[in-house]
Amino acid sequence: MMDVLYFAWVRERIGVPKEKVETGAATVAALVDELRAREARYEAAFADLSALRVAVDQELSDFDAPLEGVREVAFFPPMTGG
């Protein structure tokens, strides 16, 4: 069981800021595939992975990152600064 967090427009499309997810996914990409299969709102949120960033246990990561032992995955749009 892990916490999955959604920020900004990802949260708006899915409708919740955080949820507990039980998954057998080996990577972040496989988790995304599981989430997409849930409902249309997840499919919409994860339609374009190039528009998303991911953090695994609060560290920026890639979608091919392994999930073994992970407690938290967060999805968010790229950040801008100035």
PDB file of N, CA and C in Angstrom:
ATOM      1  N   MET A   1       0.857  -1.174   0.000  1.00  0.00           N
ATOM      2  CA  MET A   1       0.000   0.000   0.000  1.00  0.00           C
ATOM      3  C   MET A   1       0.905   1.240   0.000  1.00  0.00           C
ATOM      4  N   MET A   2       0.589   2.191  -0.878  1.00  0.00           N
ATOM      5  CA  MET A   2       1.377   3.422  -0.919  1.00  0.00           C
ATOM      6  C   MET A   2       0.454   4.619  -1.084  1.00  0.00           C
ATOM      7  N   ASP A   3       0.952   5.773  -0.697  1.00  0.00           N
ATOM      8  CA  ASP A   3       0.223   7.020  -0.914  1.00  0.00           C
ATOM      9  C   ASP A   3       0.548   7.515  -2.314  1.00  0.00           C
ATOM     10  N   VAL A   4      -0.488   7.924  -3.039  1.00  0.00           N
ATOM     11  CA  VAL A   4      -0.303   8.546  -4.346  1.00  0.00           C
ATOM     12  C   VAL A   4      -0.882   9.952  -4.235  1.00  0.00           C
ATOM     13  N   LEU A   5      -0.051  10.952  -4.529  1.00  0.00           N
ATOM     14  CA  LEU A   5      -0.436  12.352  -4.403  1.00  0.00           C
ATOM     15  C   LEU A   5      -0.540  12.978  -5.783  1.00  0.00           C
ATOM     16  N   TYR A   6      -1.514  13.876  -5.921  1.00  0.00           N
ATOM     17  CA  TYR A   6      -1.743  14.576  -7.185  1.00  0.00           C
ATOM     18  C   TYR A   6      -1.730  16.079  -6.908  1.00  0.00           C
ATOM     19  N   PHE A   7      -1.043  16.828  -7.767  1.00  0.00           N
ATOM     20  CA  PHE A   7      -0.930  18.270  -7.578  1.00  0.00           C
ATOM     21  C   PHE A   7      -1.402  19.020  -8.814  1.00  0.00           C
ATOM     22  N   ALA A   8      -1.856  20.261  -8.596  1.00  0.00           N
ATOM     23  CA  ALA A   8      -2.251  21.198  -9.653  1.00  0.00           C
ATOM     24  C   ALA A   8      -3.351  20.602 -10.526  1.00  0.00           C
ATOM     25  N   TRP A   9      -3.215  20.698 -11.859  1.00  0.00           N
ATOM     26  CA  TRP A   9      -4.288  20.227 -12.741  1.00  0.00           C
ATOM     27  C   TRP A   9      -4.456  18.711 -12.697  1.00  0.00           C
ATOM     28  N   VAL A  10      -3.448  17.977 -12.269  1.00  0.00           N
ATOM     29  CA  VAL A  10      -3.596  16.524 -12.132  1.00  0.00           C
ATOM     30  C   VAL A  10      -4.643  16.250 -11.049  1.00  0.00           C
ATOM     31  N   ARG A  11      -4.529  16.936  -9.918  1.00  0.00           N
ATOM     32  CA  ARG A  11      -5.501  16.820  -8.826  1.00  0.00           C
ATOM     33  C   ARG A  11      -6.895  17.229  -9.303  1.00  0.00           C
ATOM     34  N   GLU A  12      -6.967  18.303 -10.072  1.00  0.00           N
ATOM     35  CA  GLU A  12      -8.269  18.776 -10.556  1.00  0.00           C
ATOM     36  C   GLU A  12      -8.937  17.742 -11.457  1.00  0.00           C
ATOM     37  N   ARG A  13      -8.181  17.103 -12.323  1.00  0.00           N
ATOM     38  CA  ARG A  13      -8.760  16.101 -13.235  1.00  0.00           C
ATOM     39  C   ARG A  13      -9.188  14.834 -12.508  1.00  0.00           C
ATOM     40  N   ILE A  14      -8.395  14.415 -11.532  1.00  0.00           N
ATOM     41  CA  ILE A  14      -8.716  13.185 -10.815  1.00  0.00           C
ATOM     42  C   ILE A  14      -9.757  13.432  -9.726  1.00  0.00           C
ATOM     43  N   GLY A  15      -9.706  14.608  -9.120  1.00  0.00           N
ATOM     44  CA  GLY A  15     -10.728  14.967  -8.140  1.00  0.00           C
ATOM     45  C   GLY A  15     -10.361  14.722  -6.691  1.00  0.00           C
ATOM     46  N   VAL A  16      -9.164  14.224  -6.441  1.00  0.00           N
ATOM     47  CA  VAL A  16      -8.694  14.034  -5.066  1.00  0.00           C
ATOM     48  C   VAL A  16      -7.216  14.431  -4.991  1.00  0.00           C
ATOM     49  N   PRO A  17      -6.784  14.944  -3.846  1.00  0.00           N
ATOM     50  CA  PRO A  17      -5.369  15.325  -3.723  1.00  0.00           C
ATOM     51  C   PRO A  17      -4.459  14.146  -3.390  1.00  0.00           C
ATOM     52  N   LYS A  18      -5.041  13.083  -2.788  1.00  0.00           N
ATOM     53  CA  LYS A  18      -4.221  11.976  -2.292  1.00  0.00           C
ATOM     54  C   LYS A  18      -5.100  10.751  -2.138  1.00  0.00           C
ATOM     55  N   GLU A  19      -4.516   9.588  -2.368  1.00  0.00           N
ATOM     56  CA  GLU A  19      -5.229   8.348  -2.091  1.00  0.00           C
ATOM     57  C   GLU A  19      -4.235   7.243  -1.778  1.00  0.00           C
ATOM     58  N   LYS A  20      -4.704   6.242  -1.063  1.00  0.00           N
ATOM     59  CA  LYS A  20      -3.898   5.053  -0.792  1.00  0.00           C
ATOM     60  C   LYS A  20      -4.184   4.065  -1.912  1.00  0.00           C
ATOM     61  N   VAL A  21      -3.121   3.508  -2.478  1.00  0.00           N
ATOM     62  CA  VAL A  21      -3.267   2.599  -3.603  1.00  0.00           C
ATOM     63  C   VAL A  21      -2.524   1.306  -3.292  1.00  0.00           C
ATOM     64  N   GLU A  22      -3.220   0.205  -3.504  1.00  0.00           N
ATOM     65  CA  GLU A  22      -2.564  -1.094  -3.418  1.00  0.00           C
ATOM     66  C   GLU A  22      -2.225  -1.493  -4.842  1.00  0.00           C
ATOM     67  N   THR A  23      -0.964  -1.779  -5.085  1.00  0.00           N
ATOM     68  CA  THR A  23      -0.519  -2.057  -6.442  1.00  0.00           C
ATOM     69  C   THR A  23       0.509  -3.178  -6.469  1.00  0.00           C
ATOM     70  N   GLY A  24       0.537  -3.865  -7.565  1.00  0.00           N
ATOM     71  CA  GLY A  24       1.574  -4.848  -7.810  1.00  0.00           C
ATOM     72  C   GLY A  24       2.549  -4.344  -8.854  1.00  0.00           C
ATOM     73  N   ALA A  25       2.407  -3.062  -9.224  1.00  0.00           N
ATOM     74  CA  ALA A  25       3.246  -2.468 -10.265  1.00  0.00           C
ATOM     75  C   ALA A  25       4.710  -2.459  -9.848  1.00  0.00           C
ATOM     76  N   ALA A  26       5.571  -2.785 -10.811  1.00  0.00           N
ATOM     77  CA  ALA A  26       7.006  -2.809 -10.533  1.00  0.00           C
ATOM     78  C   ALA A  26       7.657  -1.447 -10.750  1.00  0.00           C
ATOM     79  N   THR A  27       7.037  -0.603 -11.595  1.00  0.00           N
ATOM     80  CA  THR A  27       7.599   0.712 -11.911  1.00  0.00           C
ATOM     81  C   THR A  27       6.509   1.769 -11.842  1.00  0.00           C
ATOM     82  N   VAL A  28       6.934   3.024 -11.861  1.00  0.00           N
ATOM     83  CA  VAL A  28       5.973   4.125 -11.896  1.00  0.00           C
ATOM     84  C   VAL A  28       5.105   4.018 -13.154  1.00  0.00           C
ATOM     85  N   ALA A  29       5.703   3.704 -14.289  1.00  0.00           N
ATOM     86  CA  ALA A  29       4.946   3.580 -15.545  1.00  0.00           C
ATOM     87  C   ALA A  29       3.860   2.513 -15.431  1.00  0.00           C
ATOM     88  N   ALA A  30       4.168   1.398 -14.795  1.00  0.00           N
ATOM     89  CA  ALA A  30       3.172   0.343 -14.610  1.00  0.00           C
ATOM     90  C   ALA A  30       2.064   0.808 -13.666  1.00  0.00           C
ATOM     91  N   LEU A  31       2.413   1.593 -12.654  1.00  0.00           N
ATOM     92  CA  LEU A  31       1.400   2.177 -11.763  1.00  0.00           C
ATOM     93  C   LEU A  31       0.478   3.095 -12.560  1.00  0.00           C
ATOM     94  N   VAL A  32       1.048   3.913 -13.419  1.00  0.00           N
ATOM     95  CA  VAL A  32       0.244   4.809 -14.257  1.00  0.00           C
ATOM     96  C   VAL A  32      -0.722   3.991 -15.117  1.00  0.00           C
ATOM     97  N   ASP A  33      -0.250   2.897 -15.677  1.00  0.00           N
ATOM     98  CA  ASP A  33      -1.124   2.036 -16.481  1.00  0.00           C
ATOM     99  C   ASP A  33      -2.288   1.502 -15.649  1.00  0.00           C
ATOM    100  N   GLU A  34      -2.014   1.091 -14.419  1.00  0.00           N
ATOM    101  CA  GLU A  34      -3.075   0.615 -13.520  1.00  0.00           C
ATOM    102  C   GLU A  34      -4.076   1.726 -13.219  1.00  0.00           C
ATOM    103  N   LEU A  35      -3.566   2.931 -12.949  1.00  0.00           N
ATOM    104  CA  LEU A  35      -4.449   4.053 -12.641  1.00  0.00           C
ATOM    105  C   LEU A  35      -5.296   4.428 -13.857  1.00  0.00           C
ATOM    106  N   ARG A  36      -4.689   4.470 -15.031  1.00  0.00           N
ATOM    107  CA  ARG A  36      -5.430   4.789 -16.257  1.00  0.00           C
ATOM    108  C   ARG A  36      -6.605   3.847 -16.479  1.00  0.00           C
ATOM    109  N   ALA A  37      -6.414   2.591 -16.119  1.00  0.00           N
ATOM    110  CA  ALA A  37      -7.450   1.579 -16.339  1.00  0.00           C
ATOM    111  C   ALA A  37      -8.630   1.726 -15.373  1.00  0.00           C
ATOM    112  N   ARG A  38      -8.485   2.529 -14.335  1.00  0.00           N
ATOM    113  CA  ARG A  38      -9.544   2.686 -13.330  1.00  0.00           C
ATOM    114  C   ARG A  38     -10.789   3.376 -13.889  1.00  0.00           C
ATOM    115  N   GLU A  39     -10.592   4.579 -14.412  1.00  0.00           N
ATOM    116  CA  GLU A  39     -11.712   5.422 -14.835  1.00  0.00           C
ATOM    117  C   GLU A  39     -11.221   6.444 -15.845  1.00  0.00           C
ATOM    118  N   ALA A  40     -12.171   7.059 -16.532  1.00  0.00           N
ATOM    119  CA  ALA A  40     -11.847   8.067 -17.549  1.00  0.00           C
ATOM    120  C   ALA A  40     -11.093   9.254 -16.961  1.00  0.00           C
ATOM    121  N   ARG A  41     -11.387   9.629 -15.722  1.00  0.00           N
ATOM    122  CA  ARG A  41     -10.708  10.796 -15.130  1.00  0.00           C
ATOM    123  C   ARG A  41      -9.211  10.533 -14.968  1.00  0.00           C
ATOM    124  N   TYR A  42      -8.820   9.300 -14.669  1.00  0.00           N
ATOM    125  CA  TYR A  42      -7.401   8.955 -14.579  1.00  0.00           C
ATOM    126  C   TYR A  42      -6.771   8.935 -15.971  1.00  0.00           C
ATOM    127  N   GLU A  43      -7.514   8.394 -16.929  1.00  0.00           N
ATOM    128  CA  GLU A  43      -7.024   8.378 -18.313  1.00  0.00           C
ATOM    129  C   GLU A  43      -6.753   9.801 -18.781  1.00  0.00           C
ATOM    130  N   ALA A  44      -7.649  10.722 -18.457  1.00  0.00           N
ATOM    131  CA  ALA A  44      -7.467  12.125 -18.847  1.00  0.00           C
ATOM    132  C   ALA A  44      -6.250  12.738 -18.163  1.00  0.00           C
ATOM    133  N   ALA A  45      -6.072  12.438 -16.896  1.00  0.00           N
ATOM    134  CA  ALA A  45      -4.952  13.022 -16.146  1.00  0.00           C
ATOM    135  C   ALA A  45      -3.599  12.510 -16.636  1.00  0.00           C
ATOM    136  N   PHE A  46      -3.567  11.260 -17.083  1.00  0.00           N
ATOM    137  CA  PHE A  46      -2.306  10.653 -17.500  1.00  0.00           C
ATOM    138  C   PHE A  46      -2.200  10.481 -19.017  1.00  0.00           C
ATOM    139  N   ALA A  47      -2.978  11.247 -19.760  1.00  0.00           N
ATOM    140  CA  ALA A  47      -2.996  11.113 -21.221  1.00  0.00           C
ATOM    141  C   ALA A  47      -1.656  11.480 -21.859  1.00  0.00           C
ATOM    142  N   ASP A  48      -0.968  12.460 -21.307  1.00  0.00           N
ATOM    143  CA  ASP A  48       0.294  12.924 -21.897  1.00  0.00           C
ATOM    144  C   ASP A  48       1.370  12.942 -20.810  1.00  0.00           C
ATOM    145  N   LEU A  49       2.116  11.863 -20.702  1.00  0.00           N
ATOM    146  CA  LEU A  49       3.126  11.773 -19.647  1.00  0.00           C
ATOM    147  C   LEU A  49       4.251  12.782 -19.818  1.00  0.00           C
ATOM    148  N   SER A  50       4.438  13.289 -21.031  1.00  0.00           N
ATOM    149  CA  SER A  50       5.485  14.303 -21.220  1.00  0.00           C
ATOM    150  C   SER A  50       5.122  15.610 -20.513  1.00  0.00           C
ATOM    151  N   ALA A  51       3.847  15.763 -20.139  1.00  0.00           N
ATOM    152  CA  ALA A  51       3.397  16.958 -19.427  1.00  0.00           C
ATOM    153  C   ALA A  51       3.400  16.751 -17.916  1.00  0.00           C
ATOM    154  N   LEU A  52       3.972  15.636 -17.459  1.00  0.00           N
ATOM    155  CA  LEU A  52       3.974  15.320 -16.037  1.00  0.00           C
ATOM    156  C   LEU A  52       5.380  15.054 -15.519  1.00  0.00           C
ATOM    157  N   ARG A  53       5.538  15.301 -14.252  1.00  0.00           N
ATOM    158  CA  ARG A  53       6.743  14.924 -13.527  1.00  0.00           C
ATOM    159  C   ARG A  53       6.301  14.010 -12.397  1.00  0.00           C
ATOM    160  N   VAL A  54       7.258  13.253 -11.878  1.00  0.00           N
ATOM    161  CA  VAL A  54       6.948  12.325 -10.798  1.00  0.00           C
ATOM    162  C   VAL A  54       8.038  12.397  -9.736  1.00  0.00           C
ATOM    163  N   ALA A  55       7.610  12.245  -8.489  1.00  0.00           N
ATOM    164  CA  ALA A  55       8.547  12.133  -7.372  1.00  0.00           C
ATOM    165  C   ALA A  55       8.239  10.830  -6.647  1.00  0.00           C
ATOM    166  N   VAL A  56       9.288  10.109  -6.317  1.00  0.00           N
ATOM    167  CA  VAL A  56       9.161   8.855  -5.582  1.00  0.00           C
ATOM    168  C   VAL A  56       9.808   9.069  -4.225  1.00  0.00           C
ATOM    169  N   ASP A  57       9.008   8.895  -3.181  1.00  0.00           N
ATOM    170  CA  ASP A  57       9.470   9.187  -1.810  1.00  0.00           C
ATOM    171  C   ASP A  57      10.145  10.551  -1.743  1.00  0.00           C
ATOM    172  N   GLN A  58       9.506  11.539  -2.341  1.00  0.00           N
ATOM    173  CA  GLN A  58       9.879  12.956  -2.308  1.00  0.00           C
ATOM    174  C   GLN A  58      11.170  13.285  -3.032  1.00  0.00           C
ATOM    175  N   GLU A  59      11.565  12.440  -3.990  1.00  0.00           N
ATOM    176  CA  GLU A  59      12.721  12.740  -4.834  1.00  0.00           C
ATOM    177  C   GLU A  59      12.296  12.654  -6.290  1.00  0.00           C
ATOM    178  N   LEU A  60      12.656  13.679  -7.080  1.00  0.00           N
ATOM    179  CA  LEU A  60      12.326  13.648  -8.503  1.00  0.00           C
ATOM    180  C   LEU A  60      12.835  12.362  -9.115  1.00  0.00           C
ATOM    181  N   SER A  61      12.018  11.791  -9.979  1.00  0.00           N
ATOM    182  CA  SER A  61      12.354  10.497 -10.525  1.00  0.00           C
ATOM    183  C   SER A  61      11.863  10.390 -11.960  1.00  0.00           C
ATOM    184  N   ASP A  62      12.049   9.216 -12.542  1.00  0.00           N
ATOM    185  CA  ASP A  62      11.584   8.928 -13.894  1.00  0.00           C
ATOM    186  C   ASP A  62      10.442   7.931 -13.818  1.00  0.00           C
ATOM    187  N   PHE A  63       9.717   7.814 -14.920  1.00  0.00           N
ATOM    188  CA  PHE A  63       8.593   6.888 -14.956  1.00  0.00           C
ATOM    189  C   PHE A  63       9.046   5.430 -14.963  1.00  0.00           C
ATOM    190  N   ASP A  64      10.318   5.172 -15.223  1.00  0.00           N
ATOM    191  CA  ASP A  64      10.810   3.794 -15.171  1.00  0.00           C
ATOM    192  C   ASP A  64      11.396   3.447 -13.800  1.00  0.00           C
ATOM    193  N   ALA A  65      11.222   4.334 -12.823  1.00  0.00           N
ATOM    194  CA  ALA A  65      11.735   4.088 -11.475  1.00  0.00           C
ATOM    195  C   ALA A  65      11.024   2.903 -10.832  1.00  0.00           C
ATOM    196  N   PRO A  66      11.768   2.050 -10.124  1.00  0.00           N
ATOM    197  CA  PRO A  66      11.155   0.903  -9.445  1.00  0.00           C
ATOM    198  C   PRO A  66      10.334   1.352  -8.233  1.00  0.00           C
ATOM    199  N   LEU A  67       9.319   0.569  -7.907  1.00  0.00           N
ATOM    200  CA  LEU A  67       8.439   0.908  -6.786  1.00  0.00           C
ATOM    201  C   LEU A  67       8.645   0.027  -5.557  1.00  0.00           C
ATOM    202  N   GLU A  68       9.540  -0.915  -5.620  1.00  0.00           N
ATOM    203  CA  GLU A  68       9.746  -1.795  -4.475  1.00  0.00           C
ATOM    204  C   GLU A  68      10.155  -0.981  -3.246  1.00  0.00           C
ATOM    205  N   GLY A  69       9.392  -1.116  -2.180  1.00  0.00           N
ATOM    206  CA  GLY A  69       9.685  -0.427  -0.930  1.00  0.00           C
ATOM    207  C   GLY A  69       9.267   1.026  -0.895  1.00  0.00           C
ATOM    208  N   VAL A  70       8.659   1.520  -1.952  1.00  0.00           N
ATOM    209  CA  VAL A  70       8.261   2.933  -2.024  1.00  0.00           C
ATOM    210  C   VAL A  70       7.005   3.165  -1.190  1.00  0.00           C
ATOM    211  N   ARG A  71       6.979   4.275  -0.482  1.00  0.00           N
ATOM    212  CA  ARG A  71       5.819   4.631   0.340  1.00  0.00           C
ATOM    213  C   ARG A  71       4.958   5.715  -0.285  1.00  0.00           C
ATOM    214  N   GLU A  72       5.560   6.533  -1.181  1.00  0.00           N
ATOM    215  CA  GLU A  72       4.809   7.664  -1.729  1.00  0.00           C
ATOM    216  C   GLU A  72       5.248   7.965  -3.157  1.00  0.00           C
ATOM    217  N   VAL A  73       4.255   8.180  -4.014  1.00  0.00           N
ATOM    218  CA  VAL A  73       4.491   8.621  -5.389  1.00  0.00           C
ATOM    219  C   VAL A  73       3.647   9.869  -5.604  1.00  0.00           C
ATOM    220  N   ALA A  74       4.254  10.914  -6.157  1.00  0.00           N
ATOM    221  CA  ALA A  74       3.540  12.163  -6.404  1.00  0.00           C
ATOM    222  C   ALA A  74       3.637  12.526  -7.880  1.00  0.00           C
ATOM    223  N   PHE A  75       2.508  12.970  -8.441  1.00  0.00           N
ATOM    224  CA  PHE A  75       2.445  13.397  -9.835  1.00  0.00           C
ATOM    225  C   PHE A  75       2.100  14.877  -9.884  1.00  0.00           C
ATOM    226  N   PHE A  76       2.811  15.622 -10.758  1.00  0.00           N
ATOM    227  CA  PHE A  76       2.600  17.069 -10.836  1.00  0.00           C
ATOM    228  C   PHE A  76       3.104  17.567 -12.197  1.00  0.00           C
ATOM    229  N   PRO A  77       2.607  18.725 -12.628  1.00  0.00           N
ATOM    230  CA  PRO A  77       3.118  19.307 -13.868  1.00  0.00           C
ATOM    231  C   PRO A  77       4.500  19.886 -13.644  1.00  0.00           C
ATOM    232  N   PRO A  78       5.255  20.106 -14.727  1.00  0.00           N
ATOM    233  CA  PRO A  78       6.565  20.736 -14.571  1.00  0.00           C
ATOM    234  C   PRO A  78       6.451  22.078 -13.847  1.00  0.00           C
ATOM    235  N   MET A  79       7.416  22.360 -13.030  1.00  0.00           N
ATOM    236  CA  MET A  79       7.409  23.615 -12.281  1.00  0.00           C
ATOM    237  C   MET A  79       8.145  24.683 -13.078  1.00  0.00           C
ATOM    238  N   THR A  80       7.682  25.891 -12.929  1.00  0.00           N
ATOM    239  CA  THR A  80       8.390  27.003 -13.558  1.00  0.00           C
ATOM    240  C   THR A  80       8.837  27.926 -12.436  1.00  0.00           C
ATOM    241  N   GLY A  81       9.853  28.650 -12.700  1.00  0.00           N
ATOM    242  CA  GLY A  81      10.366  29.571 -11.691  1.00  0.00           C
ATOM    243  C   GLY A  81      10.860  30.842 -12.345  1.00  0.00           C
ATOM    244  N   GLY A  82      11.177  31.772 -11.525  1.00  0.00           N
ATOM    245  CA  GLY A  82      11.642  33.015 -12.105  1.00  0.00           C
ATOM    246  C   GLY A  82      12.319  33.861 -11.088  1.00  0.00           C
TER     247      GLY A  82
END
